[in-house]
Structure formats: C-alpha cells, structure tokens
C-alpha cells in the first residue's frame, strides 16, 4: 500500500538500485499466490531502505514482526553479517512456507529463525536485557504498541526499530476513521514521538515509515 502518487512511486523505483531476479520472482509469486493480500508486501525501495539501515547500523541481532512471504526478511538478512541472526515472527504457515523457499534460494536461510506463534509471546520470551540491534514491525496494527514496547526495552543503545504503515493508507490523518487499526496507529505514532528513550523520524516512504533509534 502507498499514499504516494503513482508517478512519484514509479520514479522512485526507477532511481534506486533495482531488485535482483530473485526478489522480482518473489514479488510475482506473491501476487499470484495471495491475490489481494499482495499489497502487504513491502515495495522494492522500502526493502532497499531496510537493507541499507541494517548495514549502516552494523546490526547483528534483528527481529521482524510480520513475515508474509519473506521479501522484507531477505532484505534484512542480506544486510546482516554472515554470523548475524534474524528472528522472524508470524502466525501464517502457508505464507511463510513461500518465505522459507526464497530464503533458501537467497542463501540467507541459515541467518533466519522462523517462529510460528503470536509475536507478542515470542517477544516476551526473549532475554530482558538490551541485546537487539534492529527490528522491523509490519504486522497487525492493533498489536503495534505492544510489539514496540517489548522491542524497545530490548534494543541496545544505537539500535533501530522501523515501523511500517504508519500512515495507514491516509486514515491516521482523518479523525473520521475510528476503527481499531486507525486508533491503534494514531496511538503508536504519538507514543514514538513522545518516547524519550528514542529519537525518531517519520518518513513519507510508501505508506509511511517511522525509524526510531534507541538513545
């Protein structure tokens, strides 16, 4: 999903490092296999941003909440060093089975541990001390505040958490939308802006991305 004008979106894609053949194949299979749900997949420019952020931050231990068919997982794992690890959290074994095939083809399967369980349970079971370097949240919107809290307390100083869909298709801008997702995302946006444990920036990348860095 994107709130960008399609002309702008196309221009952005034409002026960043292009996706390789494997990522293009994954995007095509996702469209065929998941139908209308394919919009949940990150765009290539957002995936490239994830890879760059992981590399620039020197991350070694990462968490992803919301795997879908694995595009963003590949982008994150490619940014990790050879001994880096990504904990990938999801509840859908059908969609993540596609992810696992492509992780293997991409040569990053050994860096990724998939947990099929409610993400909040997986996160709460992690060691309590700060040890995470990078996190990407792109799952059920009502769960964002809880996921964020569990992750931020475990982020090392300088660690990053990236939140996707913070514009929610533009619904966060219009108070007429009072559905659960819109209310939760507005709350999430207020939380990150006011959280003195982090410094944060919200960017108009596709459907809105917030990047928060642990102080």
Protein backbone atom coordinates (compact mmCIF):
# COMPACT_ATOMS: atom_id res chain seq x y z
CA UNK A 1 0.00 0.00 0.00
CA UNK A 2 1.20 3.54 -0.71
CA UNK A 3 -0.16 7.05 -0.31
CA UNK A 4 2.31 8.28 -2.93
CA UNK A 5 1.17 9.49 -6.30
CA UNK A 6 1.83 6.57 -8.69
CA UNK A 7 4.01 8.80 -10.86
CA UNK A 8 6.23 9.56 -7.86
CA UNK A 9 6.30 5.90 -6.86
CA UNK A 10 7.38 4.80 -10.32
CA UNK A 11 10.06 7.49 -10.42
CA UNK A 12 11.44 6.34 -7.06
CA UNK A 13 11.66 2.73 -8.23
CA UNK A 14 13.39 3.80 -11.43
CA UNK A 15 16.05 5.69 -9.48
CA UNK A 16 17.21 3.24 -6.85
CA UNK A 17 19.33 0.12 -7.22
CA UNK A 18 16.99 -2.34 -8.99
CA UNK A 19 15.69 -5.53 -7.43
CA UNK A 20 17.54 -8.67 -8.43
CA UNK A 21 15.88 -11.56 -10.25
CA UNK A 22 15.07 -13.49 -7.08
CA UNK A 23 13.22 -10.58 -5.46
CA UNK A 24 11.32 -9.97 -8.69
CA UNK A 25 10.29 -13.64 -8.79
CA UNK A 26 9.18 -13.50 -5.16
CA UNK A 27 7.08 -10.39 -5.83
CA UNK A 28 5.48 -12.10 -8.85
CA UNK A 29 4.71 -15.30 -6.92
CA UNK A 30 3.28 -13.30 -4.04
CA UNK A 31 0.88 -11.54 -6.40
CA UNK A 32 -0.22 -14.86 -7.91
CA UNK A 33 -0.46 -16.80 -4.65
CA UNK A 34 -2.01 -14.27 -2.29
CA UNK A 35 -4.27 -12.17 -4.51
CA UNK A 36 -5.44 -9.01 -2.82
CA UNK A 37 -3.18 -9.66 0.17
CA UNK A 38 -0.11 -8.99 -2.01
CA UNK A 39 -0.34 -5.33 -1.00
CA UNK A 40 1.09 -6.34 2.37
CA UNK A 41 4.47 -6.92 0.76
CA UNK A 42 6.97 -4.09 1.08
CA UNK A 43 7.88 -2.27 -2.11
CA UNK A 44 11.37 -2.66 -3.52
CA UNK A 45 12.50 0.80 -2.47
CA UNK A 46 11.39 0.15 1.10
CA UNK A 47 13.19 -3.19 1.06
CA UNK A 48 16.34 -1.46 -0.16
CA UNK A 49 16.00 1.01 2.70
CA UNK A 50 15.80 -1.86 5.21
CA UNK A 51 18.97 -3.44 3.84
CA UNK A 52 20.79 -0.13 3.97
CA UNK A 53 19.67 0.64 7.53
CA UNK A 54 20.79 -2.79 8.74
CA UNK A 55 24.20 -2.37 7.10
CA UNK A 56 24.69 1.21 8.26
CA UNK A 57 23.77 0.37 11.86
CA UNK A 58 26.13 -2.62 11.98
CA UNK A 59 23.26 -4.78 13.21
CA UNK A 60 23.93 -8.41 14.14
CA UNK A 61 20.76 -9.38 16.01
CA UNK A 62 17.45 -8.49 14.35
CA UNK A 63 13.75 -9.19 14.82
CA UNK A 64 10.95 -8.98 12.29
CA UNK A 65 7.30 -8.94 13.34
CA UNK A 66 5.23 -9.92 10.30
CA UNK A 67 6.95 -12.07 7.68
CA UNK A 68 4.28 -12.58 4.99
CA UNK A 69 6.10 -14.21 2.02
CA UNK A 70 9.57 -13.15 3.09
CA UNK A 71 10.56 -10.19 0.92
CA UNK A 72 11.46 -7.92 3.82
CA UNK A 73 13.16 -10.81 5.64
CA UNK A 74 15.52 -11.30 2.71
CA UNK A 75 16.26 -7.57 2.63
CA UNK A 76 17.05 -7.52 6.35
CA UNK A 77 19.09 -10.74 6.31
CA UNK A 78 21.15 -9.52 3.36
CA UNK A 79 22.21 -6.54 5.44
CA UNK A 80 23.43 -8.71 8.32
CA UNK A 81 26.96 -10.10 8.56
CA UNK A 82 27.49 -13.82 7.95
CA UNK A 83 27.08 -14.58 11.66
CA UNK A 84 24.08 -12.27 12.07
CA UNK A 85 20.69 -13.63 13.02
CA UNK A 86 17.11 -12.60 12.25
CA UNK A 87 14.22 -13.83 14.38
CA UNK A 88 11.18 -13.82 12.08
CA UNK A 89 7.76 -13.83 13.79
CA UNK A 90 4.50 -14.76 12.08
CA UNK A 91 1.34 -16.82 12.55
CA UNK A 92 0.67 -17.96 8.97
CA UNK A 93 2.45 -21.20 7.96
CA UNK A 94 1.06 -21.06 4.42
CA UNK A 95 2.54 -17.68 3.52
CA UNK A 96 5.78 -18.27 5.43
CA UNK A 97 6.30 -21.54 3.54
CA UNK A 98 6.82 -19.35 0.47
CA UNK A 99 9.25 -17.26 2.50
CA UNK A 100 11.28 -20.29 3.53
CA UNK A 101 11.74 -21.39 -0.09
CA UNK A 102 13.02 -17.99 -1.09
CA UNK A 103 15.23 -17.62 1.98
CA UNK A 104 16.94 -20.82 0.91
CA UNK A 105 17.33 -19.65 -2.68
CA UNK A 106 18.68 -16.29 -1.48
CA UNK A 107 21.32 -18.04 0.63
CA UNK A 108 20.12 -16.44 3.87
CA UNK A 109 18.14 -19.30 5.42
CA UNK A 110 20.88 -20.03 7.98
CA UNK A 111 20.60 -16.47 9.28
CA UNK A 112 16.83 -16.65 9.85
CA UNK A 113 14.88 -18.39 12.61
CA UNK A 114 11.14 -18.57 11.94
CA UNK A 115 8.75 -18.67 14.90
CA UNK A 116 5.13 -19.52 14.10
CA UNK A 117 3.34 -18.17 17.16
CA UNK A 118 1.73 -14.94 18.33
CA UNK A 119 4.57 -12.42 18.07
CA UNK A 120 3.87 -10.90 21.46
CA UNK A 121 4.55 -14.28 23.08
CA UNK A 122 7.80 -14.69 21.14
CA UNK A 123 8.97 -11.19 22.07
CA UNK A 124 8.12 -11.57 25.75
CA UNK A 125 10.13 -14.80 25.87
CA UNK A 126 13.31 -13.05 24.70
CA UNK A 127 16.02 -12.15 27.22
CA UNK A 128 15.06 -8.96 29.03
CA UNK A 129 18.41 -7.20 28.73
CA UNK A 130 19.19 -4.95 25.74
CA UNK A 131 20.58 -7.19 23.01
CA UNK A 132 18.71 -6.39 19.80
CA UNK A 133 20.28 -4.22 17.12
CA UNK A 134 17.43 -3.88 14.63
CA UNK A 135 13.69 -4.56 14.46
CA UNK A 136 11.05 -4.21 11.76
CA UNK A 137 7.35 -4.15 12.68
CA UNK A 138 4.90 -4.82 9.85
CA UNK A 139 2.04 -6.88 11.25
CA UNK A 140 -1.43 -6.45 12.77
CA UNK A 141 -1.78 -2.76 13.51
CA UNK A 142 -3.61 -3.15 16.81
CA UNK A 143 -0.59 -5.01 18.13
CA UNK A 144 1.98 -2.32 17.24
CA UNK A 145 2.10 -0.57 20.65
CA UNK A 146 2.72 -3.85 22.49
CA UNK A 147 5.31 -5.06 19.96
CA UNK A 148 7.09 -1.71 20.11
CA UNK A 149 7.29 -1.74 23.90
CA UNK A 150 8.70 -5.26 24.07
CA UNK A 151 11.28 -4.43 21.41
CA UNK A 152 12.42 -1.01 22.62
CA UNK A 153 13.22 -2.32 26.10
CA UNK A 154 15.49 -4.91 24.45
CA UNK A 155 17.21 -2.57 21.97
CA UNK A 156 20.87 -1.79 22.63
CA UNK A 157 21.86 1.90 22.58
CA UNK A 158 22.02 2.89 18.92
CA UNK A 159 19.67 0.09 17.90
CA UNK A 160 16.89 0.81 15.42
CA UNK A 161 13.22 -0.10 15.25
CA UNK A 162 11.38 0.54 11.97
CA UNK A 163 7.59 0.68 11.87
CA UNK A 164 5.73 0.27 8.59
CA UNK A 165 2.31 1.59 7.51
CA UNK A 166 2.27 4.47 9.96
CA UNK A 167 0.02 6.43 7.56
CA UNK A 168 -2.41 3.50 7.27
CA UNK A 169 -3.46 4.49 3.79
CA UNK A 170 -4.06 8.05 4.99
CA UNK A 171 -6.61 7.02 7.63
CA UNK A 172 -4.46 8.30 10.50
CA UNK A 173 -4.84 11.84 9.13
CA UNK A 174 -8.66 11.78 9.24
CA UNK A 175 -10.34 11.65 12.67
CA UNK A 176 -13.47 10.31 10.99
CA UNK A 177 -11.75 6.92 10.91
CA UNK A 178 -12.22 5.37 14.34
CA UNK A 179 -11.71 1.70 13.51
CA UNK A 180 -9.38 -0.35 15.72
CA UNK A 181 -6.43 -0.14 13.35
CA UNK A 182 -6.65 3.62 12.86
CA UNK A 183 -6.95 4.27 16.58
CA UNK A 184 -4.03 1.95 17.34
CA UNK A 185 -1.79 3.51 14.72
CA UNK A 186 -2.53 7.06 15.87
CA UNK A 187 -1.65 5.92 19.38
CA UNK A 188 1.54 4.30 18.09
CA UNK A 189 2.58 7.47 16.31
CA UNK A 190 2.02 9.52 19.45
CA UNK A 191 3.99 7.01 21.53
CA UNK A 192 7.08 7.13 19.33
CA UNK A 193 7.01 10.92 19.09
CA UNK A 194 6.84 11.27 22.88
CA UNK A 195 9.15 8.41 23.88
CA UNK A 196 12.29 9.93 25.42
CA UNK A 197 14.07 6.57 25.20
CA UNK A 198 14.42 7.08 21.44
CA UNK A 199 14.94 9.70 18.79
CA UNK A 200 12.55 9.17 15.90
CA UNK A 201 11.70 10.39 12.43
CA UNK A 202 8.59 9.69 10.36
CA UNK A 203 9.20 9.48 6.62
CA UNK A 204 6.77 9.57 3.66
CA UNK A 205 8.08 6.26 2.32
CA UNK A 206 5.18 4.42 0.64
CA UNK A 207 2.54 4.07 3.40
CA UNK A 208 4.69 5.89 5.94
CA UNK A 209 7.71 4.58 7.85
CA UNK A 210 8.92 5.60 11.30
CA UNK A 211 12.54 4.98 12.26
CA UNK A 212 13.34 5.16 15.98
CA UNK A 213 16.88 4.95 17.38
CA UNK A 214 17.47 3.91 20.98
CA UNK A 215 19.35 6.57 22.91
